[in-house]
Each structure stands twice: as structure tokens, then as C-alpha cells.
């Protein structure tokens, strides 16, 4: 399982990514939400080890892109370049 947190003055979020590669039907489960809550769960079914590794990698990339966009937007708002 992989676990990530994003904490700043306005956010307090977590993400868990768990690869169920040894289940009858292979899938990746993502649990996310506000730290301290149960969060929400999404499941992504995949077929084959390579597909699972690629899916997990892509989910992590999307997570980091979302965090980067949030940080960039807040920095631009702080400088007054966007409202």
C-alpha cells in the first residue's frame, strides 16, 4: 500500500493506493479524503501484471499533478495574478 498526505493552510488530505494483485479479480483500490475521515473508495480493475503497474503509476501521476495544480493556483492567487 502507498500512502500520501497533502497538508497546508487550507488542505488536510490523504490518499491510499492499494494494489490487490493476488485477488481473484485484480484491482487497485484508492481511498482518499480529509485526514481523520473514512474517505471515499474507488476501485480500478485491471488484467495482467504490467497493466496493474502502469495503472498504479498513472494514478500516482494524476495525484501529484492535482497537488501541483492546487499549489500553483494558490501561489498565483497569493501574488494577485488570478482571483
N, C-alpha and C. Protein backbone atom coordinates (compact mmCIF):
# COMPACT_ATOMS: atom_id res chain seq x y z
N UNK A 1 0.85 -1.18 0.00
CA UNK A 1 0.00 0.00 0.00
C UNK A 1 0.89 1.24 0.00
N UNK A 2 0.45 2.21 -0.74
CA UNK A 2 1.13 3.51 -0.74
C UNK A 2 0.22 4.52 -0.08
N UNK A 3 0.81 5.42 0.69
CA UNK A 3 0.04 6.41 1.43
C UNK A 3 0.64 7.78 1.20
N UNK A 4 -0.21 8.76 0.89
CA UNK A 4 0.24 10.12 0.64
C UNK A 4 -0.63 11.08 1.43
N UNK A 5 -0.03 12.18 1.86
CA UNK A 5 -0.76 13.26 2.53
C UNK A 5 -0.39 14.58 1.89
N UNK A 6 -1.36 15.47 1.87
CA UNK A 6 -1.11 16.86 1.45
C UNK A 6 -1.71 17.76 2.52
N UNK A 7 -0.84 18.52 3.17
CA UNK A 7 -1.27 19.41 4.25
C UNK A 7 -0.70 20.79 4.01
N UNK A 8 -1.56 21.79 4.02
CA UNK A 8 -1.12 23.19 4.01
C UNK A 8 -2.15 23.98 4.80
N UNK A 9 -2.13 25.29 4.68
CA UNK A 9 -3.03 26.10 5.50
C UNK A 9 -4.51 25.90 5.15
N UNK A 10 -4.82 25.36 3.96
CA UNK A 10 -6.21 25.17 3.56
C UNK A 10 -6.59 23.71 3.33
N UNK A 11 -5.63 22.83 3.25
CA UNK A 11 -5.91 21.43 2.92
C UNK A 11 -5.34 20.49 3.96
N UNK A 12 -6.01 19.36 4.10
CA UNK A 12 -5.59 18.33 5.04
C UNK A 12 -6.11 17.00 4.46
N UNK A 13 -5.46 16.50 3.39
CA UNK A 13 -5.99 15.38 2.61
C UNK A 13 -5.05 14.18 2.65
N UNK A 14 -5.63 13.00 2.38
CA UNK A 14 -4.83 11.79 2.28
C UNK A 14 -5.29 10.97 1.08
N UNK A 15 -4.39 10.09 0.62
CA UNK A 15 -4.68 9.13 -0.43
C UNK A 15 -3.99 7.83 -0.07
N UNK A 16 -4.68 6.72 -0.20
CA UNK A 16 -4.10 5.39 -0.05
C UNK A 16 -4.32 4.66 -1.37
N UNK A 17 -3.27 4.04 -1.86
CA UNK A 17 -3.37 3.26 -3.09
C UNK A 17 -2.93 1.84 -2.76
N UNK A 18 -3.87 0.90 -2.90
CA UNK A 18 -3.59 -0.49 -2.56
C UNK A 18 -3.84 -1.37 -3.77
N UNK A 19 -2.80 -2.11 -4.18
CA UNK A 19 -2.90 -2.99 -5.34
C UNK A 19 -3.27 -4.39 -4.87
N UNK A 20 -4.46 -4.83 -5.22
CA UNK A 20 -4.93 -6.18 -4.86
C UNK A 20 -4.57 -7.13 -6.00
N UNK A 21 -3.29 -7.35 -6.21
CA UNK A 21 -2.80 -8.16 -7.32
C UNK A 21 -3.07 -9.65 -7.12
N UNK A 22 -3.29 -10.09 -5.87
CA UNK A 22 -3.49 -11.51 -5.63
C UNK A 22 -4.95 -11.88 -5.42
N UNK A 23 -5.86 -10.99 -5.71
CA UNK A 23 -7.30 -11.27 -5.60
C UNK A 23 -7.76 -12.06 -6.83
N UNK A 24 -8.93 -12.68 -6.73
CA UNK A 24 -9.48 -13.40 -7.89
C UNK A 24 -9.61 -12.48 -9.09
N UNK A 25 -10.09 -11.28 -8.83
CA UNK A 25 -10.19 -10.26 -9.87
C UNK A 25 -9.26 -9.13 -9.44
N UNK A 26 -8.17 -8.94 -10.16
CA UNK A 26 -7.16 -7.96 -9.75
C UNK A 26 -7.67 -6.54 -9.90
N UNK A 27 -7.38 -5.71 -8.90
CA UNK A 27 -7.84 -4.33 -8.93
C UNK A 27 -6.97 -3.47 -8.02
N UNK A 28 -7.04 -2.17 -8.26
CA UNK A 28 -6.39 -1.19 -7.41
C UNK A 28 -7.49 -0.41 -6.71
N UNK A 29 -7.35 -0.30 -5.40
CA UNK A 29 -8.32 0.44 -4.59
C UNK A 29 -7.67 1.74 -4.14
N UNK A 30 -8.38 2.84 -4.36
CA UNK A 30 -7.89 4.15 -3.94
C UNK A 30 -8.87 4.68 -2.90
N UNK A 31 -8.34 4.97 -1.72
CA UNK A 31 -9.14 5.59 -0.66
C UNK A 31 -8.59 6.98 -0.45
N UNK A 32 -9.46 7.99 -0.43
CA UNK A 32 -8.99 9.37 -0.33
C UNK A 32 -10.01 10.22 0.40
N UNK A 33 -9.53 11.33 0.97
CA UNK A 33 -10.43 12.24 1.65
C UNK A 33 -9.68 13.11 2.64
N UNK A 34 -10.43 13.71 3.53
CA UNK A 34 -9.87 14.56 4.57
C UNK A 34 -9.25 13.68 5.65
N UNK A 35 -8.05 14.03 6.10
CA UNK A 35 -7.39 13.28 7.15
C UNK A 35 -8.30 13.24 8.38
N UNK A 36 -8.47 12.06 8.95
CA UNK A 36 -9.35 11.87 10.09
C UNK A 36 -10.72 11.31 9.70
N UNK A 37 -11.04 11.36 8.40
CA UNK A 37 -12.31 10.81 7.93
C UNK A 37 -12.06 9.41 7.36
N UNK A 38 -13.15 8.69 7.09
CA UNK A 38 -13.02 7.38 6.44
C UNK A 38 -12.67 7.54 4.97
N UNK A 39 -13.02 8.66 4.39
CA UNK A 39 -12.73 8.92 2.98
C UNK A 39 -13.67 8.17 2.05
N UNK A 40 -13.40 8.32 0.77
CA UNK A 40 -14.15 7.64 -0.28
C UNK A 40 -13.25 6.58 -0.90
N UNK A 41 -13.85 5.56 -1.49
CA UNK A 41 -13.09 4.48 -2.11
C UNK A 41 -13.50 4.33 -3.56
N UNK A 42 -12.50 4.22 -4.43
CA UNK A 42 -12.75 3.87 -5.83
C UNK A 42 -11.94 2.63 -6.15
N UNK A 43 -12.47 1.79 -7.04
CA UNK A 43 -11.77 0.58 -7.45
C UNK A 43 -11.56 0.60 -8.95
N UNK A 44 -10.36 0.19 -9.36
CA UNK A 44 -9.98 0.16 -10.77
C UNK A 44 -9.51 -1.26 -11.09
N UNK A 45 -10.29 -1.99 -11.88
CA UNK A 45 -9.97 -3.37 -12.25
C UNK A 45 -8.95 -3.34 -13.39
N UNK A 46 -8.02 -4.28 -13.35
CA UNK A 46 -7.04 -4.41 -14.43
C UNK A 46 -6.77 -5.88 -14.72
N UNK A 47 -6.17 -6.13 -15.86
CA UNK A 47 -5.87 -7.50 -16.29
C UNK A 47 -4.39 -7.59 -16.65
N UNK A 48 -3.63 -8.36 -15.90
CA UNK A 48 -2.20 -8.55 -16.15
C UNK A 48 -1.34 -7.68 -15.26
N UNK A 49 -0.18 -8.21 -14.91
CA UNK A 49 0.74 -7.51 -14.00
C UNK A 49 1.21 -6.19 -14.58
N UNK A 50 1.58 -6.19 -15.86
CA UNK A 50 2.05 -4.94 -16.48
C UNK A 50 0.97 -3.86 -16.46
N UNK A 51 -0.26 -4.26 -16.72
CA UNK A 51 -1.36 -3.30 -16.70
C UNK A 51 -1.56 -2.73 -15.29
N UNK A 52 -1.40 -3.57 -14.27
CA UNK A 52 -1.54 -3.11 -12.89
C UNK A 52 -0.47 -2.12 -12.50
N UNK A 53 0.77 -2.42 -12.89
CA UNK A 53 1.87 -1.50 -12.58
C UNK A 53 1.68 -0.17 -13.30
N UNK A 54 1.25 -0.23 -14.55
CA UNK A 54 1.02 1.01 -15.32
C UNK A 54 -0.12 1.82 -14.72
N UNK A 55 -1.21 1.15 -14.33
CA UNK A 55 -2.35 1.83 -13.74
C UNK A 55 -1.95 2.49 -12.42
N UNK A 56 -1.22 1.78 -11.57
CA UNK A 56 -0.78 2.36 -10.30
C UNK A 56 0.11 3.58 -10.53
N UNK A 57 1.02 3.47 -11.47
CA UNK A 57 1.91 4.58 -11.80
C UNK A 57 1.11 5.78 -12.31
N UNK A 58 0.12 5.54 -13.16
CA UNK A 58 -0.70 6.64 -13.69
C UNK A 58 -1.54 7.29 -12.60
N UNK A 59 -2.07 6.49 -11.68
CA UNK A 59 -2.84 7.07 -10.58
C UNK A 59 -1.98 7.99 -9.72
N UNK A 60 -0.74 7.59 -9.47
CA UNK A 60 0.17 8.42 -8.68
C UNK A 60 0.51 9.70 -9.44
N UNK A 61 0.72 9.61 -10.75
CA UNK A 61 1.00 10.80 -11.55
C UNK A 61 -0.17 11.78 -11.50
N UNK A 62 -1.38 11.27 -11.62
CA UNK A 62 -2.57 12.13 -11.56
C UNK A 62 -2.67 12.80 -10.20
N UNK A 63 -2.39 12.06 -9.14
CA UNK A 63 -2.41 12.61 -7.79
C UNK A 63 -1.42 13.77 -7.66
N UNK A 64 -0.19 13.56 -8.11
CA UNK A 64 0.81 14.62 -7.98
C UNK A 64 0.52 15.81 -8.89
N UNK A 65 -0.08 15.55 -10.05
CA UNK A 65 -0.47 16.67 -10.91
C UNK A 65 -1.56 17.50 -10.25
N UNK A 66 -2.52 16.86 -9.60
CA UNK A 66 -3.60 17.58 -8.92
C UNK A 66 -3.04 18.43 -7.78
N UNK A 67 -2.11 17.86 -7.03
CA UNK A 67 -1.49 18.61 -5.93
C UNK A 67 -0.69 19.78 -6.49
N UNK A 68 0.08 19.55 -7.54
CA UNK A 68 0.88 20.61 -8.14
C UNK A 68 0.00 21.74 -8.65
N UNK A 69 -1.13 21.40 -9.27
CA UNK A 69 -2.04 22.43 -9.78
C UNK A 69 -2.64 23.23 -8.64
N UNK A 70 -2.96 22.58 -7.53
CA UNK A 70 -3.50 23.27 -6.36
C UNK A 70 -2.49 24.25 -5.81
N UNK A 71 -1.25 23.80 -5.66
CA UNK A 71 -0.18 24.65 -5.13
C UNK A 71 0.07 25.82 -6.08
N UNK A 72 0.13 25.56 -7.38
CA UNK A 72 0.35 26.62 -8.36
C UNK A 72 -0.77 27.65 -8.32
N UNK A 73 -2.01 27.17 -8.28
CA UNK A 73 -3.15 28.09 -8.25
C UNK A 73 -3.12 28.95 -7.00
N UNK A 74 -2.81 28.38 -5.85
CA UNK A 74 -2.75 29.16 -4.61
C UNK A 74 -1.62 30.17 -4.65
N UNK A 75 -0.50 29.80 -5.24
CA UNK A 75 0.61 30.74 -5.36
C UNK A 75 0.25 31.90 -6.28
N UNK A 76 -0.44 31.61 -7.37
CA UNK A 76 -0.85 32.67 -8.29
C UNK A 76 -1.89 33.58 -7.64
N UNK A 77 -2.80 33.00 -6.84
CA UNK A 77 -3.79 33.80 -6.14
C UNK A 77 -3.11 34.70 -5.12
N UNK A 78 -2.09 34.15 -4.45
CA UNK A 78 -1.35 34.91 -3.44
C UNK A 78 -0.64 36.11 -4.05
N UNK A 79 -0.13 35.94 -5.27
CA UNK A 79 0.57 37.03 -5.94
C UNK A 79 -0.38 38.02 -6.59
N UNK A 80 -1.67 37.66 -6.67
CA UNK A 80 -2.65 38.55 -7.28
C UNK A 80 -2.78 38.37 -8.78
N UNK A 81 -2.12 37.37 -9.36
CA UNK A 81 -2.20 37.15 -10.80
C UNK A 81 -3.52 36.55 -11.23
N UNK A 82 -4.18 35.82 -10.33
CA UNK A 82 -5.52 35.32 -10.60
C UNK A 82 -6.38 35.57 -9.36
N UNK A 83 -7.69 35.54 -9.56
CA UNK A 83 -8.62 35.81 -8.44
C UNK A 83 -9.45 34.61 -8.17
